[in-house]
Amino acid sequence: MSFDQYLADQQSNLDQIRQLPHFTALVAPIHGLYDGAVRLVPRSMPVLFGRLLLLSHRNLMSATTIALRGLLMMQLR
């Protein structure tokens, strides 16, 4: 398998993941909450609070992608 084919397969997997109810019913609304929370952080707060919020959001997205890829692989078997 070529590297280009591997990347194409990964993109296909991600496209399938985005259609799973686990993603659409749970992760997408939580993502929206993070987006809203970022706008609510007062500018007077130390930068650390905003960074921790963004880091937490990024961790949610990474963990979700890893977990759903595993779920997708189980469904394909």
Protein backbone atom coordinates (compact mmCIF):
# COMPACT_ATOMS: atom_id res chain seq x y z
CA MET A 1 0.00 0.00 0.00
CA SER A 2 1.34 3.40 -0.90
CA PHE A 3 1.39 6.30 1.53
CA ASP A 4 -1.13 8.16 -0.63
CA GLN A 5 -3.50 5.18 -0.48
CA TYR A 6 -3.08 4.99 3.30
CA LEU A 7 -4.01 8.67 3.65
CA ALA A 8 -7.00 8.21 1.34
CA ASP A 9 -8.18 5.26 3.46
CA GLN A 10 -7.80 7.31 6.64
CA GLN A 11 -9.85 10.13 5.13
CA SER A 12 -12.54 7.64 4.16
CA ASN A 13 -12.60 6.31 7.72
CA LEU A 14 -12.95 9.82 9.12
CA ASP A 15 -15.82 10.55 6.73
CA GLN A 16 -17.60 7.43 7.99
CA ILE A 17 -16.95 8.33 11.62
CA ARG A 18 -18.59 11.72 11.19
CA GLN A 19 -21.85 9.96 10.27
CA LEU A 20 -21.97 7.66 13.33
CA PRO A 21 -24.63 8.52 15.92
CA HIS A 22 -21.96 8.39 18.62
CA PHE A 23 -20.41 11.40 16.96
CA THR A 24 -23.47 13.33 15.83
CA ALA A 25 -25.47 12.90 19.06
CA LEU A 26 -22.69 13.32 21.60
CA VAL A 27 -19.45 14.82 20.36
CA ALA A 28 -20.84 17.47 18.03
CA PRO A 29 -22.97 19.11 20.79
CA ILE A 30 -20.04 19.02 23.25
CA HIS A 31 -17.87 20.67 20.60
CA GLY A 32 -20.49 23.41 20.38
CA LEU A 33 -20.34 23.90 24.14
CA TYR A 34 -16.58 24.37 23.98
CA ASP A 35 -16.98 26.93 21.21
CA GLY A 36 -19.48 28.83 23.32
CA ALA A 37 -17.32 28.61 26.44
CA VAL A 38 -14.33 30.17 24.69
CA ARG A 39 -16.38 33.29 23.97
CA LEU A 40 -17.48 33.51 27.62
CA VAL A 41 -14.00 33.61 29.15
CA PRO A 42 -13.53 37.19 30.37
CA ARG A 43 -10.55 38.95 28.85
CA SER A 44 -9.46 39.92 32.35
CA MET A 45 -8.83 36.26 33.25
CA PRO A 46 -5.25 34.99 33.19
CA VAL A 47 -4.27 33.50 29.83
CA LEU A 48 -3.79 30.14 31.54
CA PHE A 49 -7.56 29.62 31.83
CA GLY A 50 -8.12 30.08 28.12
CA ARG A 51 -5.21 27.81 27.27
CA LEU A 52 -6.52 25.08 29.57
CA LEU A 53 -9.95 25.34 27.95
CA LEU A 54 -8.45 25.05 24.47
CA LEU A 55 -6.24 22.16 25.54
CA SER A 56 -9.22 20.33 27.01
CA HIS A 57 -11.15 20.85 23.78
CA ARG A 58 -8.27 19.52 21.69
CA ASN A 59 -8.01 16.48 23.96
CA LEU A 60 -11.73 15.81 23.51
CA MET A 61 -11.34 15.89 19.73
CA SER A 62 -8.27 13.63 19.79
CA ALA A 63 -9.80 11.11 22.18
CA THR A 64 -13.03 11.04 20.18
CA THR A 65 -11.21 10.41 16.93
CA ILE A 66 -9.18 7.57 18.43
CA ALA A 67 -12.19 5.97 20.12
CA LEU A 68 -14.44 6.22 17.09
CA ARG A 69 -11.77 4.83 14.79
CA GLY A 70 -11.64 1.79 17.04
CA LEU A 71 -15.43 1.52 17.02
CA LEU A 72 -15.49 1.78 13.24
CA MET A 73 -12.87 -0.95 12.92
CA MET A 74 -14.94 -3.22 15.19
CA GLN A 75 -18.04 -2.64 13.04
CA LEU A 76 -16.14 -3.46 9.85
CA ARG A 77 -15.09 -6.89 11.15
